[in-house]
N, C-alpha and C. Protein backbone atom coordinates (compact mmCIF):
# COMPACT_ATOMS: atom_id res chain seq x y z
N MET A 1 75.89 106.60 90.52
CA MET A 1 75.13 107.28 90.11
C MET A 1 75.12 106.83 88.39
N ARG A 2 76.45 107.35 87.89
CA ARG A 2 76.26 107.62 86.21
C ARG A 2 76.38 105.95 85.93
N LEU A 3 76.92 104.80 86.79
CA LEU A 3 76.85 103.19 86.12
C LEU A 3 75.31 103.07 86.03
N GLN A 4 74.28 103.53 86.83
CA GLN A 4 73.09 103.34 87.01
C GLN A 4 72.29 104.20 85.55
N GLY A 5 72.80 105.03 85.33
CA GLY A 5 72.11 106.13 84.45
C GLY A 5 71.41 107.16 85.09
N ASN A 6 70.56 107.59 84.80
CA ASN A 6 69.84 108.98 85.21
C ASN A 6 69.03 108.10 86.25
N LEU A 7 68.71 108.94 87.31
CA LEU A 7 67.95 107.79 88.22
C LEU A 7 66.99 108.90 89.12
N GLN A 8 66.79 110.42 88.23
CA GLN A 8 66.33 111.37 88.44
C GLN A 8 64.41 111.25 89.13
N HIS A 9 64.10 110.08 88.57
CA HIS A 9 63.00 109.75 88.61
C HIS A 9 63.03 109.14 89.89
N GLU A 10 64.24 108.43 90.59
CA GLU A 10 64.04 107.36 91.92
C GLU A 10 63.85 108.86 92.97
N TYR A 11 64.48 110.08 92.85
CA TYR A 11 64.65 111.13 93.84
C TYR A 11 63.28 112.09 93.28
N THR A 12 62.44 112.13 92.34
CA THR A 12 61.53 113.17 92.63
C THR A 12 60.49 112.79 92.30
N SER A 13 59.28 113.64 92.31
CA SER A 13 57.96 113.11 92.23
C SER A 13 57.33 114.22 91.41
N GLY A 14 56.11 114.32 90.85
CA GLY A 14 55.18 115.37 90.31
C GLY A 14 55.14 116.51 90.96
N ASN A 15 55.44 116.39 92.65
CA ASN A 15 55.27 118.27 93.18
C ASN A 15 56.73 118.93 93.22
N CYS A 16 57.76 117.95 92.90
CA CYS A 16 58.68 118.72 93.42
C CYS A 16 58.67 119.79 92.25
N VAL A 17 59.63 121.14 93.17
CA VAL A 17 60.09 122.15 92.69
C VAL A 17 61.41 122.06 91.82
N PRO A 18 61.86 122.38 90.41
CA PRO A 18 63.57 122.27 90.51
C PRO A 18 64.03 123.89 90.86
N LEU A 19 65.50 123.65 91.29
CA LEU A 19 65.91 124.56 91.74
C LEU A 19 66.58 125.15 90.91
N GLU A 20 66.14 126.75 90.46
CA GLU A 20 66.80 127.14 89.47
C GLU A 20 66.94 128.85 89.66
N GLY A 21 67.78 129.55 89.14
CA GLY A 21 67.79 131.11 89.76
C GLY A 21 68.71 131.36 89.83
N PRO A 22 68.90 132.80 89.81
CA PRO A 22 70.19 133.19 91.14
C PRO A 22 70.21 133.15 92.57
N GLY A 23 68.71 133.17 92.92
CA GLY A 23 68.68 132.94 94.41
C GLY A 23 69.45 131.72 95.14
N VAL A 24 68.87 130.70 94.17
CA VAL A 24 69.41 129.25 94.19
C VAL A 24 70.92 129.03 94.55
N ARG A 25 71.46 129.50 93.77
CA ARG A 25 72.86 129.58 93.40
C ARG A 25 73.41 130.14 94.78
N GLN A 26 72.72 131.05 95.06
CA GLN A 26 73.18 132.75 96.23
C GLN A 26 72.88 131.68 97.67
N GLU A 27 72.06 130.90 97.43
CA GLU A 27 71.69 130.35 98.95
C GLU A 27 72.43 128.80 99.43
N LEU A 28 72.99 128.36 98.24
CA LEU A 28 73.95 127.17 98.08
C LEU A 28 75.13 127.32 98.33
N ILE A 29 75.36 128.59 97.91
CA ILE A 29 77.37 129.56 98.58
C ILE A 29 77.10 129.97 99.79
N ALA A 30 75.97 130.41 100.27
CA ALA A 30 75.62 130.78 102.02
C ALA A 30 76.01 129.20 102.26
N LEU A 31 75.23 128.05 102.26
CA LEU A 31 75.22 127.19 102.89
C LEU A 31 76.80 126.60 102.97
N LEU A 32 77.28 126.41 101.70
CA LEU A 32 78.84 126.05 101.49
C LEU A 32 79.13 126.86 102.58
N ILE A 33 79.32 127.73 103.02
CA ILE A 33 80.22 128.65 103.86
C ILE A 33 79.72 128.26 105.41
N TYR A 34 78.75 128.43 105.50
CA TYR A 34 77.82 127.79 106.90
C TYR A 34 78.44 126.02 107.26
N LEU A 35 78.72 125.44 106.28
CA LEU A 35 79.48 124.36 106.16
C LEU A 35 80.81 124.33 106.43
N ARG A 36 81.46 125.33 106.41
CA ARG A 36 83.25 125.63 106.51
C ARG A 36 83.25 126.06 107.52
N LEU A 37 82.32 127.13 108.17
CA LEU A 37 82.25 127.28 109.55
C LEU A 37 82.03 126.49 110.65
N CYS A 38 80.96 125.40 110.54
CA CYS A 38 80.63 124.40 111.26
C CYS A 38 82.13 123.26 111.28
N MET A 39 82.92 123.11 110.26
CA MET A 39 83.83 122.27 110.22
C MET A 39 84.78 122.90 111.37
N PHE A 40 85.27 124.48 110.90
CA PHE A 40 86.21 125.01 111.51
C PHE A 40 85.78 124.97 113.27
N PHE A 41 84.49 125.40 113.52
CA PHE A 41 84.04 125.31 115.11
C PHE A 41 84.31 123.87 115.54
N SER A 42 84.12 122.98 115.25
CA SER A 42 84.41 121.65 115.54
C SER A 42 85.46 120.97 115.43
N LYS A 43 86.53 121.53 114.22
CA LYS A 43 87.56 120.89 114.61
C LYS A 43 89.00 121.83 114.91
N GLU A 44 88.81 123.14 114.74
CA GLU A 44 89.97 123.60 114.70
C GLU A 44 89.74 124.70 116.14
N HIS A 45 91.16 125.01 116.04
CA HIS A 45 91.13 126.24 117.52
C HIS A 45 90.41 126.96 117.26
N TYR A 46 89.71 127.60 118.26
CA TYR A 46 88.43 128.61 118.20
C TYR A 46 89.27 129.82 117.69
N GLU A 47 90.52 130.37 117.67
CA GLU A 47 90.87 131.63 116.74
C GLU A 47 90.34 131.25 115.62
N VAL A 48 91.38 130.16 115.14
CA VAL A 48 91.32 129.55 113.56
C VAL A 48 89.19 129.68 113.12
N PHE A 49 88.71 129.44 113.75
CA PHE A 49 87.36 129.85 113.51
C PHE A 49 86.56 130.91 113.64
N LEU A 50 87.43 131.90 114.46
CA LEU A 50 87.25 133.39 114.60
C LEU A 50 87.90 133.81 113.40
N GLU A 51 88.86 133.93 112.95
CA GLU A 51 89.91 134.02 111.97
C GLU A 51 88.53 133.78 110.50
N PHE A 52 88.11 132.88 110.31
CA PHE A 52 87.56 132.16 109.37
C PHE A 52 86.41 132.96 108.75
N GLY A 53 85.68 132.84 110.16
CA GLY A 53 84.57 133.50 109.78
C GLY A 53 84.46 135.26 109.73
N GLY A 54 85.64 135.90 109.95
CA GLY A 54 85.80 137.13 110.03
C GLY A 54 85.52 137.84 111.64
N TYR A 55 85.20 136.88 112.37
CA TYR A 55 84.98 137.14 113.84
C TYR A 55 85.87 137.84 114.59
N GLU A 56 85.61 138.96 115.26
CA GLU A 56 85.95 139.47 116.36
C GLU A 56 85.30 139.33 117.80
N GLN A 57 86.07 139.19 118.96
CA GLN A 57 85.88 139.14 120.53
C GLN A 57 84.17 139.46 120.33
N ASN A 58 83.96 141.00 120.27
CA ASN A 58 82.67 141.21 120.25
C ASN A 58 81.58 141.06 119.53
N ASP A 59 81.88 139.97 118.56
CA ASP A 59 80.83 139.89 117.74
C ASP A 59 80.33 138.00 118.50
N ILE A 60 80.85 137.98 119.57
CA ILE A 60 80.58 136.29 120.15
C ILE A 60 79.51 136.98 121.30
N LEU A 61 78.39 136.55 121.50
CA LEU A 61 77.35 137.02 122.43
C LEU A 61 77.47 136.11 123.51
N ILE A 62 77.76 134.54 123.06
CA ILE A 62 77.79 133.94 124.19
C ILE A 62 78.62 132.59 123.97
N ARG A 63 79.87 132.48 125.08
CA ARG A 63 80.62 130.99 124.65
C ARG A 63 80.53 130.16 125.86
N LYS A 64 80.49 128.81 125.14
CA LYS A 64 80.55 127.37 126.57
C LYS A 64 81.47 126.78 125.84
N SER A 65 82.47 126.72 126.17
CA SER A 65 83.58 126.08 125.28
C SER A 65 84.39 124.97 125.93
N LYS A 66 83.52 124.66 127.23
CA LYS A 66 83.90 122.85 128.13
C LYS A 66 82.65 122.27 127.99
N ALA A 67 82.63 121.37 127.32
CA ALA A 67 81.95 120.26 127.48
C ALA A 67 81.52 119.39 128.36
N LYS A 68 80.17 119.43 128.86
CA LYS A 68 80.12 118.40 130.25
C LYS A 68 78.93 117.41 130.13
N LEU A 69 78.71 116.41 130.73
CA LEU A 69 77.73 115.33 130.38
C LEU A 69 76.54 116.39 130.55
N MET A 70 75.73 115.77 129.02
CA MET A 70 74.39 116.55 128.88
C MET A 70 74.63 117.84 128.47
N LYS A 71 75.96 118.60 128.10
CA LYS A 71 76.38 120.03 127.98
C LYS A 71 76.93 120.36 127.12
N PRO A 72 76.91 120.10 125.83
CA PRO A 72 77.58 120.54 124.68
C PRO A 72 78.56 121.73 124.54
N THR A 73 79.27 122.14 123.66
CA THR A 73 80.20 123.08 123.51
C THR A 73 79.04 123.97 122.92
N PHE A 74 78.90 125.18 122.96
CA PHE A 74 78.08 126.04 121.73
C PHE A 74 78.59 127.42 122.09
N THR A 75 78.46 128.24 121.21
CA THR A 75 78.90 129.41 120.67
C THR A 75 77.64 130.44 120.13
N VAL A 76 77.36 131.51 120.10
CA VAL A 76 76.08 132.17 119.46
C VAL A 76 77.54 133.26 118.65
N VAL A 77 76.98 133.69 117.32
CA VAL A 77 77.66 134.71 117.15
C VAL A 77 77.10 135.81 115.92
N ARG A 78 77.21 137.07 116.57
CA ARG A 78 76.84 137.83 115.72
C ARG A 78 77.65 137.84 114.54
N ASP A 79 77.02 137.58 113.03
CA ASP A 79 77.49 138.02 111.64
C ASP A 79 76.72 138.94 110.90
N GLU A 80 77.59 140.05 110.97
CA GLU A 80 77.30 141.11 110.27
C GLU A 80 76.71 140.86 108.55
N SER A 81 77.97 140.15 107.92
CA SER A 81 77.75 139.67 106.78
C SER A 81 76.55 139.47 106.16
N THR A 82 75.90 138.29 107.07
CA THR A 82 74.45 137.61 106.78
C THR A 82 73.49 138.60 107.54
N ARG A 83 73.89 138.94 108.78
CA ARG A 83 72.71 140.11 109.26
C ARG A 83 71.97 138.62 109.76
N CYS A 84 72.73 138.03 110.86
CA CYS A 84 72.03 136.62 111.23
C CYS A 84 73.08 136.29 112.74
N PHE A 85 71.89 135.86 113.72
CA PHE A 85 72.71 135.42 114.77
C PHE A 85 73.04 133.50 114.54
N LEU A 86 73.98 133.42 114.70
CA LEU A 86 74.37 131.75 114.27
C LEU A 86 74.72 131.22 115.51
N LEU A 87 74.15 130.02 115.86
CA LEU A 87 74.40 129.49 116.79
C LEU A 87 75.14 128.02 116.64
N PHE A 88 76.38 128.05 116.94
CA PHE A 88 76.86 126.76 116.44
C PHE A 88 77.01 125.67 117.68
N ILE A 89 77.04 124.74 117.31
CA ILE A 89 76.75 123.68 118.46
C ILE A 89 77.63 122.60 117.93
N GLN A 90 78.86 122.12 118.75
CA GLN A 90 79.80 120.93 118.53
C GLN A 90 79.54 119.89 118.44
N GLY A 91 79.58 118.78 117.46
CA GLY A 91 79.00 117.43 117.34
C GLY A 91 80.25 116.65 118.55
N ALA A 92 80.19 115.35 118.69
CA ALA A 92 80.48 114.94 119.85
C ALA A 92 82.23 114.37 119.80
N ILE A 93 82.94 115.42 120.28
CA ILE A 93 84.64 115.41 119.89
C ILE A 93 85.09 114.88 121.56
N SER A 94 84.07 115.43 122.46
CA SER A 94 85.12 114.66 123.69
C SER A 94 84.53 113.79 124.66
N VAL A 95 84.78 113.14 125.34
CA VAL A 95 84.18 111.73 126.17
C VAL A 95 82.82 111.90 126.66
N LYS A 96 83.00 113.27 127.11
CA LYS A 96 81.54 113.98 127.88
C LYS A 96 80.48 113.97 126.83
N ASP A 97 80.58 114.21 125.51
CA ASP A 97 80.03 114.39 124.58
C ASP A 97 79.50 113.19 123.96
N ARG A 98 80.49 112.07 124.15
CA ARG A 98 80.18 110.68 123.86
C ARG A 98 79.46 110.20 124.94
N LEU A 99 79.90 110.10 125.86
CA LEU A 99 78.35 110.08 127.20
C LEU A 99 77.53 110.17 127.03
N THR A 100 77.13 111.46 126.50
CA THR A 100 75.72 112.26 126.20
C THR A 100 75.30 111.58 124.71
N ALA A 101 75.66 111.18 123.87
CA ALA A 101 75.50 110.49 122.79
C ALA A 101 74.94 108.96 123.40
N ALA A 102 75.77 108.44 124.24
CA ALA A 102 75.41 106.87 124.80
C ALA A 102 74.20 107.20 125.55
N THR A 103 73.82 107.50 126.28
CA THR A 103 72.22 107.90 126.52
C THR A 103 71.66 108.17 125.40
N ALA A 104 71.23 106.95 124.99
CA ALA A 104 70.13 106.47 124.17
C ALA A 104 69.06 106.28 124.53
N ALA A 105 68.86 106.49 126.12
CA ALA A 105 67.39 105.91 126.05
C ALA A 105 65.90 106.75 125.30
N GLU A 106 64.72 106.20 124.92
CA GLU A 106 63.90 106.53 124.51
C GLU A 106 63.00 107.49 125.40
N VAL A 107 62.87 108.63 125.26
CA VAL A 107 62.05 109.33 126.45
C VAL A 107 60.76 110.19 125.47
N PRO A 108 59.94 110.64 126.57
CA PRO A 108 58.61 111.28 125.70
C PRO A 108 59.80 113.21 125.35
N PHE A 109 59.15 113.29 124.59
CA PHE A 109 59.60 114.75 123.60
C PHE A 109 58.29 115.64 123.20
N HIS A 110 58.05 116.34 123.74
CA HIS A 110 56.50 117.11 123.53
C HIS A 110 57.17 118.93 123.63
N HIS A 111 56.74 119.23 122.48
CA HIS A 111 57.60 120.39 121.59
C HIS A 111 56.32 121.64 121.29
N VAL A 112 56.21 122.71 121.55
CA VAL A 112 55.46 123.36 121.18
C VAL A 112 55.97 124.48 120.04
N VAL A 113 55.45 124.14 118.97
CA VAL A 113 56.06 125.13 117.67
C VAL A 113 54.83 126.55 117.13
N SER A 114 55.52 127.55 117.59
CA SER A 114 55.13 128.40 117.21
C SER A 114 55.19 128.88 115.57
N GLN A 115 53.87 129.23 115.43
CA GLN A 115 53.73 129.78 114.03
C GLN A 115 53.11 130.94 113.53
N GLU A 116 54.09 131.96 112.66
CA GLU A 116 53.62 133.60 112.89
C GLU A 116 52.42 133.59 112.46
N GLY A 117 51.36 134.29 112.81
CA GLY A 117 50.04 134.41 112.03
C GLY A 117 48.69 133.18 112.25
N ARG A 118 49.17 131.92 112.60
CA ARG A 118 48.99 130.90 112.84
C ARG A 118 48.97 130.14 113.88
N GLY A 119 49.35 131.16 115.06
CA GLY A 119 49.24 130.13 116.44
C GLY A 119 50.20 129.05 116.85
N SER A 120 49.81 128.06 117.62
CA SER A 120 51.05 127.25 117.80
C SER A 120 50.37 125.85 117.57
N CYS A 121 51.60 124.89 117.44
CA CYS A 121 50.91 123.40 117.62
C CYS A 121 51.77 122.79 118.45
N ILE A 122 51.45 121.68 118.68
CA ILE A 122 52.31 120.81 119.49
C ILE A 122 52.47 119.25 118.91
N VAL A 123 53.95 119.35 119.12
CA VAL A 123 54.72 117.86 118.70
C VAL A 123 54.96 117.12 119.43
N VAL A 124 53.98 116.28 119.46
CA VAL A 124 54.21 114.96 120.96
C VAL A 124 54.80 113.50 119.89
N GLY A 125 55.95 113.09 120.74
CA GLY A 125 56.87 112.00 120.33
C GLY A 125 57.97 111.64 121.28
N HIS A 126 58.70 110.87 120.71
CA HIS A 126 59.97 110.16 121.75
C HIS A 126 61.07 110.69 120.69
N ALA A 127 62.23 110.60 121.30
CA ALA A 127 63.62 111.33 121.33
C ALA A 127 64.82 110.86 121.92
N HIS A 128 65.85 111.03 121.64
CA HIS A 128 67.09 110.47 122.53
C HIS A 128 66.99 111.25 123.60
N CYS A 129 67.30 110.66 124.62
CA CYS A 129 67.42 111.27 125.92
C CYS A 129 68.55 112.31 126.29
N GLY A 130 69.91 111.31 125.92
CA GLY A 130 70.82 112.77 125.79
C GLY A 130 70.83 113.71 124.90
N MET A 131 70.52 113.62 124.03
CA MET A 131 70.16 115.04 122.89
C MET A 131 68.94 115.80 123.70
N VAL A 132 68.04 115.41 123.83
CA VAL A 132 67.16 116.33 124.68
C VAL A 132 67.44 116.68 125.75
N ALA A 133 68.11 116.32 126.33
CA ALA A 133 69.13 116.89 127.71
C ALA A 133 69.93 117.99 127.11
N ALA A 134 70.36 117.74 126.42
CA ALA A 134 71.47 118.73 125.84
C ALA A 134 71.26 119.95 124.78
N ALA A 135 69.77 119.60 124.26
CA ALA A 135 69.34 120.64 123.62
C ALA A 135 68.55 121.70 125.09
N ARG A 136 67.82 121.02 125.50
CA ARG A 136 67.05 121.64 126.27
C ARG A 136 68.62 122.78 127.22
N TRP A 137 69.26 122.04 127.48
CA TRP A 137 70.36 123.06 128.02
C TRP A 137 70.75 124.21 127.33
N VAL A 138 71.22 123.88 125.93
CA VAL A 138 71.49 124.95 125.61
C VAL A 138 70.38 125.90 125.19
N ALA A 139 69.08 125.27 125.08
CA ALA A 139 68.34 126.72 124.74
C ALA A 139 67.97 127.21 126.26
N ASP A 140 68.37 126.87 127.05
CA ASP A 140 67.67 127.57 128.49
C ASP A 140 69.27 128.41 128.57
N GLN A 141 70.50 128.31 127.88
CA GLN A 141 71.80 129.33 128.09
C GLN A 141 71.69 130.09 126.77
N ALA A 142 70.84 129.80 125.58
CA ALA A 142 71.09 130.49 124.49
C ALA A 142 69.84 131.42 124.68
N ILE A 143 68.70 131.12 124.82
CA ILE A 143 67.70 131.95 124.14
C ILE A 143 67.57 133.09 125.06
N PRO A 144 67.86 133.37 126.36
CA PRO A 144 67.92 134.78 127.04
C PRO A 144 68.96 135.77 126.15
N CYS A 145 70.10 134.94 125.91
CA CYS A 145 71.08 136.14 125.33
C CYS A 145 70.43 136.24 123.83
N LEU A 146 69.91 135.04 123.09
CA LEU A 146 69.76 135.41 121.47
C LEU A 146 68.28 136.45 121.76
N SER A 147 67.30 136.57 122.74
CA SER A 147 66.08 137.63 123.01
C SER A 147 66.99 138.93 123.11
N ARG A 148 67.73 138.81 123.74
CA ARG A 148 68.53 140.66 123.90
C ARG A 148 68.99 141.20 122.77
N ALA A 149 69.83 139.98 122.04
CA ALA A 149 70.37 140.44 120.86
C ALA A 149 69.44 140.76 119.76
N VAL A 150 68.38 140.14 119.82
CA VAL A 150 67.05 140.46 118.34
C VAL A 150 66.47 141.85 119.13
N GLU A 151 66.35 142.07 120.24
CA GLU A 151 65.63 143.46 120.23
C GLU A 151 66.83 144.27 120.10
N ARG A 152 67.77 143.92 120.21
CA ARG A 152 68.95 144.92 119.73
C ARG A 152 69.35 144.94 118.37
N PHE A 153 68.74 144.02 117.49
CA PHE A 153 69.04 144.11 116.05
C PHE A 153 67.78 143.29 115.28
N PRO A 154 66.59 144.17 115.54
CA PRO A 154 65.79 143.32 114.92
C PRO A 154 65.37 142.95 113.97
N ASP A 155 66.19 143.12 112.86
CA ASP A 155 66.07 142.75 111.70
C ASP A 155 67.43 141.62 111.25
N TYR A 156 67.94 141.12 112.34
CA TYR A 156 68.53 139.86 111.95
C TYR A 156 67.81 138.76 112.10
N LYS A 157 68.09 138.15 111.51
CA LYS A 157 67.47 136.08 111.84
C LYS A 157 68.39 135.40 112.66
N ILE A 158 68.09 134.07 112.80
CA ILE A 158 68.64 133.30 113.65
C ILE A 158 68.75 132.00 113.32
N LYS A 159 70.07 131.28 112.88
CA LYS A 159 70.06 130.24 112.23
C LYS A 159 70.88 129.25 113.53
N LEU A 160 70.56 128.27 113.54
CA LEU A 160 71.32 126.90 114.14
C LEU A 160 71.96 126.07 113.27
N LEU A 161 73.61 126.15 113.67
CA LEU A 161 74.44 125.21 112.66
C LEU A 161 74.85 124.31 113.79
N ALA A 162 74.64 122.78 113.50
CA ALA A 162 75.42 121.92 114.70
C ALA A 162 75.93 120.88 113.94
């Protein structure tokens, strides 16, 4: 980009909002921390991930540590410092993860999105077969756990880190 000069006009339009102020800086710092946590979750031993995040065993709400076909490794963590429940989903590391990724047939995908105070809308489309199956499996496993956790800690947010 330096060689081509200022390309800001290529990536912005008249309706863009500049990111400025202390809130943006804090949000970017939080995103960097989440990226590092994802790296440790995906590439390091689980104990290193726990140590880097400052988590204890009682902060782990659910952990599926063995990847299977269409069933990725994932963990739900209660993060007291951010007052969030973090759902970490591991990328394609194992052979079974790669087989899930290889099942790339297009399948219909319909999803209901609830919007607070505005009802819900249905998203209709197509998606990657292996990813749809894996996402549904993670949802079936994680949603009951997250529902119980939100009842216990109603002021916590839920964040997905994949």
